[in-house]
Amino acid sequence: MLHAYCIFLLLTLTCAIHAAPIASSSGKSNEDIAEVMLITRLGYLKRFYNLTEQRSATSSRSSGQKSLKIREMQRFFGLNVTGVLDPETIQMMKKSRCGVPDVSQYSTFGPGIKWQKNKLTYRLENYTPDMPVSEVDRVIQQALRVWANVTPLTFTRLNTGTADIMISFGSHGDFYPFDGPGGTLAHAFSPSDGIGGDAHFDDDERFTENSSRGTDLFLVAAHEFGHSLGLSHSKDPTALMYPVYKYRDLNSYVLPQDDVKGIQSLYGKKSI
């Protein structure tokens, strides 16, 4: 009888050990880590695909809403449309990207939103410590020139006062805080008065010039200035306005045709 009891006790302890959450080196259990990861993924859907969770909603309704937004994201990026957070979808969520929503009807970018003038001004309010001031000035000018080369737009720099496009690094006083290194790199606002047109860069990123080491400032700035001019995100992975950051050789950079068509639909072609 005692022998049988000992066997039962041993089996019970074994099952308890296997059933218990496993602690990571940080002291958090796998369940804790999984919960944090889920909250992070849902935060991605809330920010970029307008996922809304109502406290009064039933569990099935809330689950259906999440699945709908996951499918929306998967369609945007050309992934397998499963409606669940599969490895392919999670991997896409981990990539560094722009902070502007991907679905235009949920962002500030609507059809035909543009500046009602072709002569625009810009001003650098501060600088990243990662690059010399002269380099930042040159890169910003080059990033704006990408759009000026294919449209009637011109950009004049201001050293004081309020410009159409105010450019800043780090804390920037809006309701869209950054998230540290990686993740969201920058964001910008569509043309309008006030904050409209402004571009904000996450100073926790290590910005570089024409280098795959760190985050290339030209690529991020040119993308954000597309938003400053009224463009939303593109589904074309080769487009500058694709939301996910990807370094490319800039020695012979030419604005992709998808972006040319988009900006010219707003401002027309550059006159010869």
C-alpha atoms as a PDB file:
ATOM      1  CA  MET A   1       0.000   0.000   0.000  1.00  0.00           C
ATOM      2  CA  LEU A   2       2.855   2.365   0.964  1.00  0.00           C
ATOM      3  CA  HIS A   3       4.673   1.474  -2.262  1.00  0.00           C
ATOM      4  CA  ALA A   4       1.571   2.320  -4.354  1.00  0.00           C
ATOM      5  CA  TYR A   5       1.151   5.638  -2.502  1.00  0.00           C
ATOM      6  CA  CYS A   6       4.760   6.601  -3.178  1.00  0.00           C
ATOM      7  CA  ILE A   7       4.305   5.886  -6.890  1.00  0.00           C
ATOM      8  CA  PHE A   8       1.121   8.001  -6.926  1.00  0.00           C
ATOM      9  CA  LEU A   9       2.915  10.889  -5.148  1.00  0.00           C
ATOM     10  CA  LEU A  10       5.832  10.720  -7.593  1.00  0.00           C
ATOM     11  CA  LEU A  11       3.504  10.817 -10.601  1.00  0.00           C
ATOM     12  CA  THR A  12       1.589  13.744  -9.093  1.00  0.00           C
ATOM     13  CA  LEU A  13       4.784  15.767  -8.576  1.00  0.00           C
ATOM     14  CA  THR A  14       5.979  14.945 -12.090  1.00  0.00           C
ATOM     15  CA  CYS A  15       2.712  16.158 -13.625  1.00  0.00           C
ATOM     16  CA  ALA A  16       2.818  19.319 -11.512  1.00  0.00           C
ATOM     17  CA  ILE A  17       6.356  20.115 -12.663  1.00  0.00           C
ATOM     18  CA  HIS A  18       5.476  19.625 -16.328  1.00  0.00           C
ATOM     19  CA  ALA A  19       2.273  21.655 -15.989  1.00  0.00           C
ATOM     20  CA  ALA A  20       3.929  24.618 -14.265  1.00  0.00           C
ATOM     21  CA  PRO A  21       4.949  27.643 -16.368  1.00  0.00           C
ATOM     22  CA  ILE A  22       8.681  27.609 -17.112  1.00  0.00           C
ATOM     23  CA  ALA A  23      10.539  30.681 -15.902  1.00  0.00           C
ATOM     24  CA  SER A  24      12.889  32.438 -18.283  1.00  0.00           C
ATOM     25  CA  SER A  25      16.274  33.860 -17.327  1.00  0.00           C
ATOM     26  CA  SER A  26      14.525  37.191 -16.714  1.00  0.00           C
ATOM     27  CA  GLY A  27      12.323  35.613 -14.046  1.00  0.00           C
ATOM     28  CA  LYS A  28       9.164  35.743 -16.168  1.00  0.00           C
ATOM     29  CA  SER A  29       7.241  32.601 -17.031  1.00  0.00           C
ATOM     30  CA  ASN A  30       6.511  31.522 -20.584  1.00  0.00           C
ATOM     31  CA  GLU A  31       2.885  32.481 -19.946  1.00  0.00           C
ATOM     32  CA  ASP A  32       3.938  35.997 -18.888  1.00  0.00           C
ATOM     33  CA  ILE A  33       6.149  36.389 -21.949  1.00  0.00           C
ATOM     34  CA  ALA A  34       3.400  35.095 -24.243  1.00  0.00           C
ATOM     35  CA  GLU A  35       0.944  37.582 -22.738  1.00  0.00           C
ATOM     36  CA  VAL A  36       3.359  40.496 -23.241  1.00  0.00           C
ATOM     37  CA  MET A  37       3.978  39.399 -26.829  1.00  0.00           C
ATOM     38  CA  LEU A  38       0.234  39.184 -27.502  1.00  0.00           C
ATOM     39  CA  ILE A  39      -0.321  42.676 -26.094  1.00  0.00           C
ATOM     40  CA  THR A  40       2.515  43.929 -28.302  1.00  0.00           C
ATOM     41  CA  ARG A  41       0.999  42.328 -31.415  1.00  0.00           C
ATOM     42  CA  LEU A  42      -2.433  43.757 -30.609  1.00  0.00           C
ATOM     43  CA  GLY A  43      -0.786  47.151 -30.132  1.00  0.00           C
ATOM     44  CA  TYR A  44       0.559  46.845 -33.682  1.00  0.00           C
ATOM     45  CA  LEU A  45      -2.944  46.185 -35.018  1.00  0.00           C
ATOM     46  CA  LYS A  46      -4.393  49.057 -32.992  1.00  0.00           C
ATOM     47  CA  ARG A  47      -1.800  51.505 -34.240  1.00  0.00           C
ATOM     48  CA  PHE A  48      -1.587  50.546 -37.895  1.00  0.00           C
ATOM     49  CA  TYR A  49      -4.968  48.885 -38.620  1.00  0.00           C
ATOM     50  CA  ASN A  50      -7.365  50.636 -36.224  1.00  0.00           C
ATOM     51  CA  LEU A  51      -8.141  47.620 -34.059  1.00  0.00           C
ATOM     52  CA  THR A  52     -10.621  48.754 -31.418  1.00  0.00           C
ATOM     53  CA  GLU A  53     -11.468  46.664 -28.367  1.00  0.00           C
ATOM     54  CA  GLN A  54     -14.660  47.520 -26.510  1.00  0.00           C
ATOM     55  CA  ARG A  55     -14.879  46.393 -22.894  1.00  0.00           C
ATOM     56  CA  SER A  56     -18.522  45.446 -23.307  1.00  0.00           C
ATOM     57  CA  ALA A  57     -17.828  43.319 -26.377  1.00  0.00           C
ATOM     58  CA  THR A  58     -18.236  39.571 -26.053  1.00  0.00           C
ATOM     59  CA  SER A  59     -15.172  37.346 -26.293  1.00  0.00           C
ATOM     60  CA  SER A  60     -16.267  35.939 -29.658  1.00  0.00           C
ATOM     61  CA  ARG A  61     -16.939  39.414 -31.056  1.00  0.00           C
ATOM     62  CA  SER A  62     -13.560  40.684 -29.842  1.00  0.00           C
ATOM     63  CA  SER A  63     -11.842  37.630 -31.318  1.00  0.00           C
ATOM     64  CA  GLY A  64     -13.613  38.181 -34.632  1.00  0.00           C
ATOM     65  CA  GLN A  65     -12.479  41.819 -34.719  1.00  0.00           C
ATOM     66  CA  LYS A  66      -8.861  40.786 -34.102  1.00  0.00           C
ATOM     67  CA  SER A  67      -9.034  38.157 -36.827  1.00  0.00           C
ATOM     68  CA  LEU A  68     -10.489  40.724 -39.241  1.00  0.00           C
ATOM     69  CA  LYS A  69      -7.614  43.136 -38.607  1.00  0.00           C
ATOM     70  CA  ILE A  70      -5.015  40.390 -38.894  1.00  0.00           C
ATOM     71  CA  ARG A  71      -6.478  39.477 -42.284  1.00  0.00           C
ATOM     72  CA  GLU A  72      -6.392  43.148 -43.289  1.00  0.00           C
ATOM     73  CA  MET A  73      -2.707  43.325 -42.437  1.00  0.00           C
ATOM     74  CA  GLN A  74      -1.946  40.055 -44.195  1.00  0.00           C
ATOM     75  CA  ARG A  75      -3.649  41.251 -47.372  1.00  0.00           C
ATOM     76  CA  PHE A  76      -1.761  44.552 -47.280  1.00  0.00           C
ATOM     77  CA  PHE A  77       1.620  42.830 -47.073  1.00  0.00           C
ATOM     78  CA  GLY A  78       0.743  40.022 -49.475  1.00  0.00           C
ATOM     79  CA  LEU A  79       0.981  37.322 -46.796  1.00  0.00           C
ATOM     80  CA  ASN A  80      -1.084  34.157 -46.525  1.00  0.00           C
ATOM     81  CA  VAL A  81      -4.493  35.326 -45.284  1.00  0.00           C
ATOM     82  CA  THR A  82      -5.118  33.112 -42.245  1.00  0.00           C
ATOM     83  CA  GLY A  83      -6.663  35.513 -39.741  1.00  0.00           C
ATOM     84  CA  VAL A  84      -4.286  34.277 -37.038  1.00  0.00           C
ATOM     85  CA  LEU A  85      -0.929  35.481 -35.743  1.00  0.00           C
ATOM     86  CA  ASP A  86       1.101  32.867 -37.588  1.00  0.00           C
ATOM     87  CA  PRO A  87       4.940  32.999 -37.729  1.00  0.00           C
ATOM     88  CA  GLU A  88       4.961  34.809 -41.092  1.00  0.00           C
ATOM     89  CA  THR A  89       2.704  37.567 -39.753  1.00  0.00           C
ATOM     90  CA  ILE A  90       4.614  37.916 -36.491  1.00  0.00           C
ATOM     91  CA  GLN A  91       7.883  38.167 -38.412  1.00  0.00           C
ATOM     92  CA  MET A  92       6.461  41.048 -40.449  1.00  0.00           C
ATOM     93  CA  MET A  93       5.349  42.795 -37.248  1.00  0.00           C
ATOM     94  CA  LYS A  94       8.915  42.668 -35.929  1.00  0.00           C
ATOM     95  CA  LYS A  95      10.377  44.658 -38.821  1.00  0.00           C
ATOM     96  CA  SER A  96      11.392  48.298 -38.432  1.00  0.00           C
ATOM     97  CA  ARG A  97       8.863  50.574 -40.058  1.00  0.00           C
ATOM     98  CA  CYS A  98       7.161  53.957 -40.378  1.00  0.00           C
ATOM     99  CA  GLY A  99       4.732  55.003 -37.637  1.00  0.00           C
ATOM    100  CA  VAL A 100       1.934  56.052 -40.011  1.00  0.00           C
ATOM    101  CA  PRO A 101      -1.059  53.634 -40.315  1.00  0.00           C
ATOM    102  CA  ASP A 102      -1.115  51.375 -43.383  1.00  0.00           C
ATOM    103  CA  VAL A 103      -4.813  51.649 -44.157  1.00  0.00           C
ATOM    104  CA  SER A 104      -5.479  55.126 -45.508  1.00  0.00           C
ATOM    105  CA  GLN A 105      -9.100  55.415 -44.377  1.00  0.00           C
ATOM    106  CA  TYR A 106      -7.895  55.094 -40.782  1.00  0.00           C
ATOM    107  CA  SER A 107      -5.073  57.608 -41.110  1.00  0.00           C
ATOM    108  CA  THR A 108      -4.994  61.328 -41.794  1.00  0.00           C
ATOM    109  CA  PHE A 109      -4.335  60.637 -45.462  1.00  0.00           C
ATOM    110  CA  GLY A 110      -7.446  60.802 -47.603  1.00  0.00           C
ATOM    111  CA  PRO A 111      -8.004  61.118 -51.354  1.00  0.00           C
ATOM    112  CA  GLY A 112      -6.540  64.317 -52.746  1.00  0.00           C
ATOM    113  CA  ILE A 113      -5.060  65.692 -49.503  1.00  0.00           C
ATOM    114  CA  LYS A 114      -2.231  67.957 -50.669  1.00  0.00           C
ATOM    115  CA  TRP A 115      -0.667  71.354 -50.259  1.00  0.00           C
ATOM    116  CA  GLN A 116      -2.522  74.044 -52.155  1.00  0.00           C
ATOM    117  CA  LYS A 117       0.764  75.605 -53.241  1.00  0.00           C
ATOM    118  CA  ASN A 118       3.969  74.412 -54.882  1.00  0.00           C
ATOM    119  CA  LYS A 119       6.475  76.544 -52.983  1.00  0.00           C
ATOM    120  CA  LEU A 120       7.024  74.918 -49.600  1.00  0.00           C
ATOM    121  CA  THR A 121       9.334  75.690 -46.694  1.00  0.00           C
ATOM    122  CA  TYR A 122      11.086  73.405 -44.225  1.00  0.00           C
ATOM    123  CA  ARG A 123      13.028  73.868 -41.013  1.00  0.00           C
ATOM    124  CA  LEU A 124      15.260  71.606 -38.927  1.00  0.00           C
ATOM    125  CA  GLU A 125      14.422  72.207 -35.260  1.00  0.00           C
ATOM    126  CA  ASN A 126      17.239  70.001 -33.953  1.00  0.00           C
ATOM    127  CA  TYR A 127      19.670  67.274 -35.035  1.00  0.00           C
ATOM    128  CA  THR A 128      20.514  63.644 -34.406  1.00  0.00           C
ATOM    129  CA  PRO A 129      23.793  63.246 -32.472  1.00  0.00           C
ATOM    130  CA  ASP A 130      24.699  60.311 -34.739  1.00  0.00           C
ATOM    131  CA  MET A 131      25.762  62.443 -37.705  1.00  0.00           C
ATOM    132  CA  PRO A 132      27.532  65.767 -38.278  1.00  0.00           C
ATOM    133  CA  VAL A 133      25.181  68.715 -38.746  1.00  0.00           C
ATOM    134  CA  SER A 134      26.428  69.274 -42.295  1.00  0.00           C
ATOM    135  CA  GLU A 135      25.615  65.654 -43.222  1.00  0.00           C
ATOM    136  CA  VAL A 136      22.099  65.897 -41.816  1.00  0.00           C
ATOM    137  CA  ASP A 137      21.516  69.145 -43.704  1.00  0.00           C
ATOM    138  CA  ARG A 138      22.672  67.547 -46.952  1.00  0.00           C
ATOM    139  CA  VAL A 139      20.663  64.342 -46.489  1.00  0.00           C
ATOM    140  CA  ILE A 140      17.455  66.244 -45.696  1.00  0.00           C
ATOM    141  CA  GLN A 141      17.950  68.391 -48.779  1.00  0.00           C
ATOM    142  CA  GLN A 142      18.518  65.284 -50.921  1.00  0.00           C
ATOM    143  CA  ALA A 143      15.428  63.591 -49.481  1.00  0.00           C
ATOM    144  CA  LEU A 144      13.258  66.572 -50.419  1.00  0.00           C
ATOM    145  CA  ARG A 145      14.868  66.800 -53.854  1.00  0.00           C
ATOM    146  CA  VAL A 146      13.652  63.261 -54.624  1.00  0.00           C
ATOM    147  CA  TRP A 147      10.101  64.659 -54.742  1.00  0.00           C
ATOM    148  CA  ALA A 148      11.026  68.009 -56.304  1.00  0.00           C
ATOM    149  CA  ASN A 149      12.736  66.247 -59.228  1.00  0.00           C
ATOM    150  CA  VAL A 150       9.451  64.789 -60.500  1.00  0.00           C
ATOM    151  CA  THR A 151       6.958  67.549 -59.580  1.00  0.00           C
ATOM    152  CA  PRO A 152       6.657  71.364 -59.722  1.00  0.00           C
ATOM    153  CA  LEU A 153       7.368  71.479 -55.955  1.00  0.00           C
ATOM    154  CA  THR A 154      10.206  73.580 -54.531  1.00  0.00           C
ATOM    155  CA  PHE A 155      11.553  73.543 -50.976  1.00  0.00           C
ATOM    156  CA  THR A 156      13.154  76.529 -49.252  1.00  0.00           C
ATOM    157  CA  ARG A 157      14.883  76.194 -45.909  1.00  0.00           C
ATOM    158  CA  LEU A 158      14.036  78.472 -42.977  1.00  0.00           C
ATOM    159  CA  ASN A 159      16.355  78.926 -39.996  1.00  0.00           C
ATOM    160  CA  THR A 160      13.737  80.550 -37.763  1.00  0.00           C
ATOM    161  CA  GLY A 161       9.970  80.703 -37.479  1.00  0.00           C
ATOM    162  CA  THR A 162       7.387  78.156 -38.550  1.00  0.00           C
ATOM    163  CA  ALA A 163       7.854  76.279 -41.810  1.00  0.00           C
ATOM    164  CA  ASP A 164       5.385  74.108 -43.705  1.00  0.00           C
ATOM    165  CA  ILE A 165       7.490  71.051 -42.819  1.00  0.00           C
ATOM    166  CA  MET A 166       9.003  71.179 -39.333  1.00  0.00           C
ATOM    167  CA  ILE A 167      11.615  68.456 -38.808  1.00  0.00           C
ATOM    168  CA  SER A 168      12.684  67.200 -35.383  1.00  0.00           C
ATOM    169  CA  PHE A 169      14.504  64.325 -33.679  1.00  0.00           C
ATOM    170  CA  GLY A 170      13.525  62.866 -30.303  1.00  0.00           C
ATOM    171  CA  SER A 171      10.733  64.213 -28.085  1.00  0.00           C
ATOM    172  CA  HIS A 172       8.333  66.096 -30.305  1.00  0.00           C
ATOM    173  CA  GLY A 173       5.197  66.917 -28.314  1.00  0.00           C
ATOM    174  CA  ASP A 174       2.490  64.977 -30.168  1.00  0.00           C
ATOM    175  CA  PHE A 175       0.335  62.027 -29.125  1.00  0.00           C
ATOM    176  CA  TYR A 176       2.418  59.394 -30.928  1.00  0.00           C
ATOM    177  CA  PRO A 177       5.438  58.511 -28.750  1.00  0.00           C
ATOM    178  CA  PHE A 178       8.256  56.411 -30.161  1.00  0.00           C
ATOM    179  CA  ASP A 179       9.235  52.967 -28.889  1.00  0.00           C
ATOM    180  CA  GLY A 180      13.024  52.943 -28.528  1.00  0.00           C
ATOM    181  CA  PRO A 181      15.520  51.320 -30.936  1.00  0.00           C
ATOM    182  CA  GLY A 182      13.929  49.409 -33.819  1.00  0.00           C
ATOM    183  CA  GLY A 183      10.173  49.249 -34.255  1.00  0.00           C
ATOM    184  CA  THR A 184       8.836  52.646 -35.306  1.00  0.00           C
ATOM    185  CA  LEU A 185      11.548  54.791 -36.914  1.00  0.00           C
ATOM    186  CA  ALA A 186       9.662  58.014 -37.665  1.00  0.00           C
ATOM    187  CA  HIS A 187       6.279  59.449 -38.590  1.00  0.00           C
ATOM    188  CA  ALA A 188       4.882  62.449 -40.416  1.00  0.00           C
ATOM    189  CA  PHE A 189       1.579  64.263 -40.821  1.00  0.00           C
ATOM    190  CA  SER A 190      -0.409  65.001 -43.958  1.00  0.00           C
ATOM    191  CA  PRO A 191      -0.624  68.561 -45.339  1.00  0.00           C
ATOM    192  CA  SER A 192      -2.652  70.957 -43.178  1.00  0.00           C
ATOM    193  CA  ASP A 193      -2.225  73.854 -40.789  1.00  0.00           C
ATOM    194  CA  GLY A 194      -0.505  73.396 -37.449  1.00  0.00           C
ATOM    195  CA  ILE A 195       1.271  70.065 -37.126  1.00  0.00           C
ATOM    196  CA  GLY A 196       0.377  69.102 -40.702  1.00  0.00           C
ATOM    197  CA  GLY A 197       3.413  68.303 -42.835  1.00  0.00           C
ATOM    198  CA  ASP A 198       5.743  67.917 -39.858  1.00  0.00           C
ATOM    199  CA  ALA A 199       8.159  64.971 -39.704  1.00  0.00           C
ATOM    200  CA  HIS A 200       9.417  63.431 -36.452  1.00  0.00           C
ATOM    201  CA  PHE A 201      12.322  60.990 -36.156  1.00  0.00           C
ATOM    202  CA  ASP A 202      12.981  58.558 -33.299  1.00  0.00           C
ATOM    203  CA  ASP A 203      16.290  59.679 -31.795  1.00  0.00           C
ATOM    204  CA  ASP A 204      16.798  56.225 -30.249  1.00  0.00           C
ATOM    205  CA  GLU A 205      17.658  54.968 -33.736  1.00  0.00           C
ATOM    206  CA  ARG A 206      21.263  55.156 -34.929  1.00  0.00           C
ATOM    207  CA  PHE A 207      20.960  57.183 -38.106  1.00  0.00           C
ATOM    208  CA  THR A 208      23.619  56.894 -40.795  1.00  0.00           C
ATOM    209  CA  GLU A 209      24.304  58.111 -44.319  1.00  0.00           C
ATOM    210  CA  ASN A 210      24.409  55.626 -47.205  1.00  0.00           C
ATOM    211  CA  SER A 211      25.167  52.670 -44.958  1.00  0.00           C
ATOM    212  CA  SER A 212      23.442  49.431 -44.039  1.00  0.00           C
ATOM    213  CA  ARG A 213      24.865  49.752 -40.535  1.00  0.00           C
ATOM    214  CA  GLY A 214      22.221  51.547 -38.548  1.00  0.00           C
ATOM    215  CA  THR A 215      19.223  53.246 -40.136  1.00  0.00           C
ATOM    216  CA  ASP A 216      19.800  55.225 -43.312  1.00  0.00           C
ATOM    217  CA  LEU A 217      18.480  58.732 -42.738  1.00  0.00           C
ATOM    218  CA  PHE A 218      17.915  59.468 -46.420  1.00  0.00           C
ATOM    219  CA  LEU A 219      15.560  56.513 -46.919  1.00  0.00           C
ATOM    220  CA  VAL A 220      13.571  57.270 -43.772  1.00  0.00           C
ATOM    221  CA  ALA A 221      13.411  61.023 -44.438  1.00  0.00           C
ATOM    222  CA  ALA A 222      12.417  60.680 -48.105  1.00  0.00           C
ATOM    223  CA  HIS A 223       9.649  58.265 -47.058  1.00  0.00           C
ATOM    224  CA  GLU A 224       8.363  60.592 -44.333  1.00  0.00           C
ATOM    225  CA  PHE A 225       8.423  63.595 -46.658  1.00  0.00           C
ATOM    226  CA  GLY A 226       6.172  61.591 -48.977  1.00  0.00           C
ATOM    227  CA  HIS A 227       3.654  61.615 -46.114  1.00  0.00           C
ATOM    228  CA  SER A 228       4.321  65.327 -45.530  1.00  0.00           C
ATOM    229  CA  LEU A 229       3.234  65.893 -49.130  1.00  0.00           C
ATOM    230  CA  GLY A 230       0.063  63.779 -48.870  1.00  0.00           C
ATOM    231  CA  LEU A 231       1.041  60.239 -49.856  1.00  0.00           C
ATOM    232  CA  SER A 232      -0.161  57.233 -47.879  1.00  0.00           C
ATOM    233  CA  HIS A 233       1.588  53.860 -47.722  1.00  0.00           C
ATOM    234  CA  SER A 234       2.047  51.670 -50.783  1.00  0.00           C
ATOM    235  CA  LYS A 235       1.591  47.895 -50.979  1.00  0.00           C
ATOM    236  CA  ASP A 236       4.413  47.700 -53.523  1.00  0.00           C
ATOM    237  CA  PRO A 237       7.497  46.281 -51.718  1.00  0.00           C
ATOM    238  CA  THR A 238       9.789  48.129 -54.144  1.00  0.00           C
ATOM    239  CA  ALA A 239       8.183  51.531 -53.478  1.00  0.00           C
ATOM    240  CA  LEU A 240       9.745  54.176 -51.264  1.00  0.00           C
ATOM    241  CA  MET A 241       6.329  54.540 -49.601  1.00  0.00           C
ATOM    242  CA  TYR A 242       6.240  50.871 -48.553  1.00  0.00           C
ATOM    243  CA  PRO A 243       5.868  51.050 -44.750  1.00  0.00           C
ATOM    244  CA  VAL A 244       8.642  48.601 -43.819  1.00  0.00           C
ATOM    245  CA  TYR A 245      12.224  49.850 -43.788  1.00  0.00           C
ATOM    246  CA  LYS A 246      14.669  48.122 -46.106  1.00  0.00           C
ATOM    247  CA  TYR A 247      18.134  49.377 -46.906  1.00  0.00           C
ATOM    248  CA  ARG A 248      19.039  49.714 -50.586  1.00  0.00           C
ATOM    249  CA  ASP A 249      22.083  50.951 -52.479  1.00  0.00           C
ATOM    250  CA  LEU A 250      21.799  54.719 -52.867  1.00  0.00           C
ATOM    251  CA  ASN A 251      24.668  55.337 -55.280  1.00  0.00           C
ATOM    252  CA  SER A 252      22.301  55.236 -58.242  1.00  0.00           C
ATOM    253  CA  TYR A 253      18.972  55.708 -56.461  1.00  0.00           C
ATOM    254  CA  VAL A 254      15.968  56.526 -58.640  1.00  0.00           C
ATOM    255  CA  LEU A 255      12.495  57.128 -57.222  1.00  0.00           C
ATOM    256  CA  PRO A 256      10.403  54.010 -58.009  1.00  0.00           C
ATOM    257  CA  GLN A 257       7.622  54.409 -60.559  1.00  0.00           C
ATOM    258  CA  ASP A 258       4.894  53.657 -58.024  1.00  0.00           C
ATOM    259  CA  ASP A 259       5.978  56.693 -56.002  1.00  0.00           C
ATOM    260  CA  VAL A 260       6.333  58.877 -59.101  1.00  0.00           C
ATOM    261  CA  LYS A 261       2.764  58.078 -60.142  1.00  0.00           C
ATOM    262  CA  GLY A 262       1.485  58.748 -56.638  1.00  0.00           C
ATOM    263  CA  ILE A 263       3.100  62.152 -56.166  1.00  0.00           C
ATOM    264  CA  GLN A 264       2.311  63.295 -59.716  1.00  0.00           C
ATOM    265  CA  SER A 265      -1.348  62.408 -59.184  1.00  0.00           C
ATOM    266  CA  LEU A 266      -1.328  65.117 -56.490  1.00  0.00           C
ATOM    267  CA  TYR A 267       0.947  67.800 -57.941  1.00  0.00           C
ATOM    268  CA  GLY A 268       1.415  67.006 -61.609  1.00  0.00           C
ATOM    269  CA  LYS A 269       4.626  66.552 -63.580  1.00  0.00           C
ATOM    270  CA  LYS A 270       7.656  68.791 -63.469  1.00  0.00           C
ATOM    271  CA  SER A 271       7.647  71.194 -66.401  1.00  0.00           C
ATOM    272  CA  ILE A 272      10.675  70.991 -68.675  1.00  0.00           C
END
